[in-house]
PDB file of N, CA and C in Angstrom:
ATOM      1  N   UNK A   1      -2.038  -1.261  27.887  1.00  0.00           N
ATOM      2  CA  UNK A   1      -1.970  -2.417  26.466  1.00  0.00           C
ATOM      3  C   UNK A   1      -3.078  -1.513  25.636  1.00  0.00           C
ATOM      4  N   UNK A   2      -2.637  -1.881  24.350  1.00  0.00           N
ATOM      5  CA  UNK A   2      -3.568  -1.339  23.373  1.00  0.00           C
ATOM      6  C   UNK A   2      -4.553  -2.301  22.832  1.00  0.00           C
ATOM      7  N   UNK A   3      -5.679  -1.853  22.342  1.00  0.00           N
ATOM      8  CA  UNK A   3      -7.119  -2.425  21.746  1.00  0.00           C
ATOM      9  C   UNK A   3      -6.635  -3.725  21.053  1.00  0.00           C
ATOM     10  N   UNK A   4      -7.179  -4.721  21.129  1.00  0.00           N
ATOM     11  CA  UNK A   4      -7.336  -5.794  20.444  1.00  0.00           C
ATOM     12  C   UNK A   4      -7.885  -5.624  19.086  1.00  0.00           C
ATOM     13  N   UNK A   5      -7.375  -5.769  18.271  1.00  0.00           N
ATOM     14  CA  UNK A   5      -7.982  -5.734  16.797  1.00  0.00           C
ATOM     15  C   UNK A   5      -8.745  -6.647  16.000  1.00  0.00           C
ATOM     16  N   UNK A   6      -9.553  -6.418  15.212  1.00  0.00           N
ATOM     17  CA  UNK A   6     -10.048  -7.738  14.683  1.00  0.00           C
ATOM     18  C   UNK A   6      -9.333  -8.449  13.240  1.00  0.00           C
ATOM     19  N   UNK A   7      -8.623  -7.615  12.918  1.00  0.00           N
ATOM     20  CA  UNK A   7      -7.839  -8.122  11.907  1.00  0.00           C
ATOM     21  C   UNK A   7      -6.285  -7.657  11.913  1.00  0.00           C
ATOM     22  N   UNK A   8      -5.797  -8.357  13.039  1.00  0.00           N
ATOM     23  CA  UNK A   8      -4.279  -7.474  13.539  1.00  0.00           C
ATOM     24  C   UNK A   8      -3.412  -7.938  12.307  1.00  0.00           C
ATOM     25  N   UNK A   9      -2.217  -6.921  11.866  1.00  0.00           N
ATOM     26  CA  UNK A   9      -1.394  -7.062  10.967  1.00  0.00           C
ATOM     27  C   UNK A   9       0.063  -7.036  11.605  1.00  0.00           C
ATOM     28  N   UNK A  10       0.814  -8.103  11.654  1.00  0.00           N
ATOM     29  CA  UNK A  10       1.979  -8.397  11.945  1.00  0.00           C
ATOM     30  C   UNK A  10       3.222  -8.182  10.933  1.00  0.00           C
ATOM     31  N   UNK A  11       3.014  -8.516   9.868  1.00  0.00           N
ATOM     32  CA  UNK A  11       3.850  -8.290   8.989  1.00  0.00           C
ATOM     33  C   UNK A  11       4.629  -6.870   8.271  1.00  0.00           C
ATOM     34  N   UNK A  12       5.895  -6.696   8.483  1.00  0.00           N
ATOM     35  CA  UNK A  12       6.340  -5.478   7.994  1.00  0.00           C
ATOM     36  C   UNK A  12       7.240  -5.694   6.873  1.00  0.00           C
ATOM     37  N   UNK A  13       6.868  -4.600   5.875  1.00  0.00           N
ATOM     38  CA  UNK A  13       7.710  -4.934   4.494  1.00  0.00           C
ATOM     39  C   UNK A  13       8.568  -3.303   4.515  1.00  0.00           C
ATOM     40  N   UNK A  14       9.506  -3.382   3.974  1.00  0.00           N
ATOM     41  CA  UNK A  14      10.385  -2.031   3.884  1.00  0.00           C
ATOM     42  C   UNK A  14      10.878  -1.994   2.898  1.00  0.00           C
ATOM     43  N   UNK A  15      10.943  -1.068   2.140  1.00  0.00           N
ATOM     44  CA  UNK A  15      11.520  -0.953   0.776  1.00  0.00           C
ATOM     45  C   UNK A  15      12.486   0.716   0.459  1.00  0.00           C
ATOM     46  N   UNK A  16      13.196   0.230  -0.433  1.00  0.00           N
ATOM     47  CA  UNK A  16      13.807   1.917  -0.816  1.00  0.00           C
ATOM     48  C   UNK A  16      13.224   2.211  -1.799  1.00  0.00           C
ATOM     49  N   UNK A  17      13.237   3.713  -1.841  1.00  0.00           N
ATOM     50  CA  UNK A  17      12.686   4.563  -2.659  1.00  0.00           C
ATOM     51  C   UNK A  17      13.583   5.808  -2.791  1.00  0.00           C
ATOM     52  N   UNK A  18      13.382   6.399  -4.006  1.00  0.00           N
ATOM     53  CA  UNK A  18      13.978   7.522  -4.546  1.00  0.00           C
ATOM     54  C   UNK A  18      13.627   8.719  -3.768  1.00  0.00           C
ATOM     55  N   UNK A  19      14.051   9.848  -3.793  1.00  0.00           N
ATOM     56  CA  UNK A  19      13.573  11.233  -3.325  1.00  0.00           C
ATOM     57  C   UNK A  19      12.608  11.351  -4.171  1.00  0.00           C
ATOM     58  N   UNK A  20      12.525  11.326  -5.392  1.00  0.00           N
ATOM     59  CA  UNK A  20      11.234  11.888  -6.216  1.00  0.00           C
ATOM     60  C   UNK A  20      10.154  10.792  -5.998  1.00  0.00           C
ATOM     61  N   UNK A  21      10.231   9.575  -5.731  1.00  0.00           N
ATOM     62  CA  UNK A  21       9.435   8.766  -5.335  1.00  0.00           C
ATOM     63  C   UNK A  21       8.833   9.058  -4.222  1.00  0.00           C
ATOM     64  N   UNK A  22       9.721   9.760  -2.952  1.00  0.00           N
ATOM     65  CA  UNK A  22       9.187   9.779  -1.731  1.00  0.00           C
ATOM     66  C   UNK A  22       8.276  11.129  -1.886  1.00  0.00           C
ATOM     67  N   UNK A  23       8.685  12.140  -2.478  1.00  0.00           N
ATOM     68  CA  UNK A  23       7.972  13.185  -2.953  1.00  0.00           C
ATOM     69  C   UNK A  23       6.511  13.105  -3.582  1.00  0.00           C
ATOM     70  N   UNK A  24       6.620  12.322  -4.516  1.00  0.00           N
ATOM     71  CA  UNK A  24       5.416  11.764  -5.057  1.00  0.00           C
ATOM     72  C   UNK A  24       4.539  11.005  -4.194  1.00  0.00           C
ATOM     73  N   UNK A  25       4.798  10.358  -3.036  1.00  0.00           N
ATOM     74  CA  UNK A  25       4.119   9.384  -2.369  1.00  0.00           C
ATOM     75  C   UNK A  25       3.705  10.233  -1.267  1.00  0.00           C
ATOM     76  N   UNK A  26       4.660  11.370  -1.012  1.00  0.00           N
ATOM     77  CA  UNK A  26       3.969  12.685   0.219  1.00  0.00           C
ATOM     78  C   UNK A  26       2.837  13.269  -0.556  1.00  0.00           C
ATOM     79  N   UNK A  27       3.122  13.576  -1.855  1.00  0.00           N
ATOM     80  CA  UNK A  27       1.937  14.348  -2.269  1.00  0.00           C
ATOM     81  C   UNK A  27       0.638  13.741  -2.472  1.00  0.00           C
ATOM     82  N   UNK A  28       0.838  12.439  -2.657  1.00  0.00           N
ATOM     83  CA  UNK A  28      -0.428  11.596  -2.762  1.00  0.00           C
ATOM     84  C   UNK A  28      -0.980  11.544  -1.190  1.00  0.00           C
ATOM     85  N   UNK A  29       0.073  11.330  -0.352  1.00  0.00           N
ATOM     86  CA  UNK A  29      -0.835  11.217   1.121  1.00  0.00           C
ATOM     87  C   UNK A  29      -1.112  12.533   1.361  1.00  0.00           C
ATOM     88  N   UNK A  30      -0.794  13.551   0.859  1.00  0.00           N
ATOM     89  CA  UNK A  30      -1.372  15.195   1.431  1.00  0.00           C
ATOM     90  C   UNK A  30      -2.837  15.215   0.744  1.00  0.00           C
ATOM     91  N   UNK A  31      -2.886  14.593  -0.503  1.00  0.00           N
ATOM     92  CA  UNK A  31      -4.311  14.808  -1.493  1.00  0.00           C
ATOM     93  C   UNK A  31      -5.138  13.969  -0.931  1.00  0.00           C
ATOM     94  N   UNK A  32      -4.885  12.687  -0.590  1.00  0.00           N
ATOM     95  CA  UNK A  32      -5.694  11.699  -0.289  1.00  0.00           C
ATOM     96  C   UNK A  32      -6.011  11.696   1.218  1.00  0.00           C
ATOM     97  N   UNK A  33      -5.297  12.234   1.940  1.00  0.00           N
ATOM     98  CA  UNK A  33      -5.271  12.051   3.576  1.00  0.00           C
ATOM     99  C   UNK A  33      -5.275  10.506   3.922  1.00  0.00           C
ATOM    100  N   UNK A  34      -4.377   9.963   3.239  1.00  0.00           N
ATOM    101  CA  UNK A  34      -4.137   8.524   3.605  1.00  0.00           C
ATOM    102  C   UNK A  34      -2.793   8.166   4.112  1.00  0.00           C
ATOM    103  N   UNK A  35      -2.617   7.328   4.918  1.00  0.00           N
ATOM    104  CA  UNK A  35      -1.168   6.496   5.520  1.00  0.00           C
ATOM    105  C   UNK A  35      -0.528   6.142   4.416  1.00  0.00           C
ATOM    106  N   UNK A  36       0.911   5.876   4.565  1.00  0.00           N
ATOM    107  CA  UNK A  36       1.653   5.361   3.797  1.00  0.00           C
ATOM    108  C   UNK A  36       1.168   3.818   3.448  1.00  0.00           C
ATOM    109  N   UNK A  37       0.724   3.291   4.619  1.00  0.00           N
ATOM    110  CA  UNK A  37       0.032   1.819   4.684  1.00  0.00           C
ATOM    111  C   UNK A  37      -1.151   1.667   3.992  1.00  0.00           C
ATOM    112  N   UNK A  38      -1.829   2.773   4.071  1.00  0.00           N
ATOM    113  CA  UNK A  38      -3.172   2.604   3.215  1.00  0.00           C
ATOM    114  C   UNK A  38      -3.018   2.692   1.589  1.00  0.00           C
ATOM    115  N   UNK A  39      -2.102   3.611   1.137  1.00  0.00           N
ATOM    116  CA  UNK A  39      -1.467   3.582  -0.050  1.00  0.00           C
ATOM    117  C   UNK A  39      -1.105   2.493  -0.662  1.00  0.00           C
ATOM    118  N   UNK A  40      -0.126   1.950   0.087  1.00  0.00           N
ATOM    119  CA  UNK A  40       0.347   0.950  -0.435  1.00  0.00           C
ATOM    120  C   UNK A  40      -0.613  -0.239  -0.728  1.00  0.00           C
ATOM    121  N   UNK A  41      -1.492  -0.684   0.477  1.00  0.00           N
ATOM    122  CA  UNK A  41      -2.502  -1.726   0.306  1.00  0.00           C
ATOM    123  C   UNK A  41      -3.311  -1.257  -0.711  1.00  0.00           C
ATOM    124  N   UNK A  42      -3.826  -0.261  -1.007  1.00  0.00           N
ATOM    125  CA  UNK A  42      -4.707  -0.122  -2.390  1.00  0.00           C
ATOM    126  C   UNK A  42      -3.941  -0.104  -3.455  1.00  0.00           C
ATOM    127  N   UNK A  43      -2.623   0.293  -3.406  1.00  0.00           N
ATOM    128  CA  UNK A  43      -1.682  -0.086  -4.753  1.00  0.00           C
ATOM    129  C   UNK A  43      -1.419  -1.508  -5.264  1.00  0.00           C
ATOM    130  N   UNK A  44      -1.568  -2.342  -4.196  1.00  0.00           N
ATOM    131  CA  UNK A  44      -1.245  -3.669  -4.205  1.00  0.00           C
ATOM    132  C   UNK A  44      -2.714  -4.455  -4.566  1.00  0.00           C
ATOM    133  N   UNK A  45      -3.797  -4.062  -4.196  1.00  0.00           N
ATOM    134  CA  UNK A  45      -4.972  -4.371  -4.454  1.00  0.00           C
ATOM    135  C   UNK A  45      -5.262  -3.833  -6.236  1.00  0.00           C
ATOM    136  N   UNK A  46      -4.659  -3.055  -6.667  1.00  0.00           N
ATOM    137  CA  UNK A  46      -5.099  -2.284  -8.184  1.00  0.00           C
ATOM    138  C   UNK A  46      -4.004  -3.262  -8.870  1.00  0.00           C
ATOM    139  N   UNK A  47      -2.849  -3.709  -8.480  1.00  0.00           N
ATOM    140  CA  UNK A  47      -1.894  -4.577  -9.401  1.00  0.00           C
ATOM    141  C   UNK A  47      -2.624  -5.776  -9.176  1.00  0.00           C
ATOM    142  N   UNK A  48      -2.944  -6.393  -8.270  1.00  0.00           N
ATOM    143  CA  UNK A  48      -3.861  -7.840  -8.399  1.00  0.00           C
ATOM    144  C   UNK A  48      -4.921  -7.744  -9.009  1.00  0.00           C
ATOM    145  N   UNK A  49      -5.875  -6.724  -9.145  1.00  0.00           N
ATOM    146  CA  UNK A  49      -6.889  -6.524 -10.255  1.00  0.00           C
ATOM    147  C   UNK A  49      -6.557  -6.768 -11.499  1.00  0.00           C
ATOM    148  N   UNK A  50      -5.446  -6.104 -11.783  1.00  0.00           N
ATOM    149  CA  UNK A  50      -4.871  -5.518 -13.277  1.00  0.00           C
ATOM    150  C   UNK A  50      -4.320  -6.867 -13.489  1.00  0.00           C
ATOM    151  N   UNK A  51      -3.536  -7.908 -12.701  1.00  0.00           N
ATOM    152  CA  UNK A  51      -2.923  -8.842 -13.193  1.00  0.00           C
ATOM    153  C   UNK A  51      -4.027 -10.232 -13.456  1.00  0.00           C
ATOM    154  N   UNK A  52      -5.093  -9.933 -12.336  1.00  0.00           N
ATOM    155  CA  UNK A  52      -6.222 -10.888 -12.757  1.00  0.00           C
ATOM    156  C   UNK A  52      -6.860 -10.286 -13.964  1.00  0.00           C
ATOM    157  N   UNK A  53      -7.091  -9.366 -14.484  1.00  0.00           N
ATOM    158  CA  UNK A  53      -7.681  -8.796 -15.657  1.00  0.00           C
ATOM    159  C   UNK A  53      -7.234  -9.147 -17.026  1.00  0.00           C
ATOM    160  N   UNK A  54      -5.879  -9.510 -16.907  1.00  0.00           N
ATOM    161  CA  UNK A  54      -5.285  -9.874 -18.001  1.00  0.00           C
ATOM    162  C   UNK A  54      -4.767 -11.352 -18.075  1.00  0.00           C
ATOM    163  N   UNK A  55      -5.285 -12.164 -17.252  1.00  0.00           N
ATOM    164  CA  UNK A  55      -5.095 -13.501 -16.814  1.00  0.00           C
ATOM    165  C   UNK A  55      -3.937 -14.008 -16.390  1.00  0.00           C
ATOM    166  N   UNK A  56      -3.321 -13.184 -15.741  1.00  0.00           N
ATOM    167  CA  UNK A  56      -2.068 -13.578 -15.163  1.00  0.00           C
ATOM    168  C   UNK A  56      -2.665 -14.232 -13.603  1.00  0.00           C
ATOM    169  N   UNK A  57      -1.946 -14.680 -13.148  1.00  0.00           N
ATOM    170  CA  UNK A  57      -2.509 -15.394 -11.769  1.00  0.00           C
ATOM    171  C   UNK A  57      -1.611 -14.383 -10.782  1.00  0.00           C
ATOM    172  N   UNK A  58      -2.563 -13.716  -9.751  1.00  0.00           N
ATOM    173  CA  UNK A  58      -2.299 -13.223  -8.816  1.00  0.00           C
ATOM    174  C   UNK A  58      -1.308 -13.698  -7.629  1.00  0.00           C
ATOM    175  N   UNK A  59      -0.436 -13.112  -7.022  1.00  0.00           N
ATOM    176  CA  UNK A  59       0.065 -13.933  -5.683  1.00  0.00           C
ATOM    177  C   UNK A  59      -0.865 -13.928  -4.434  1.00  0.00           C
TER     178      UNK A  59
END
């Protein structure tokens, strides 16, 4: 059995992207040495920060 995590993540989100978007994502993964999940979490935080910066309510 796997180890217990402090902050377990049970929710899975999937999305469709184009070949060009996939290539871009792979380039980002290679240059940052981050996983897709880590990149998407970081992107979500950037969108959240930008939306609150412009006075919009972040989800």
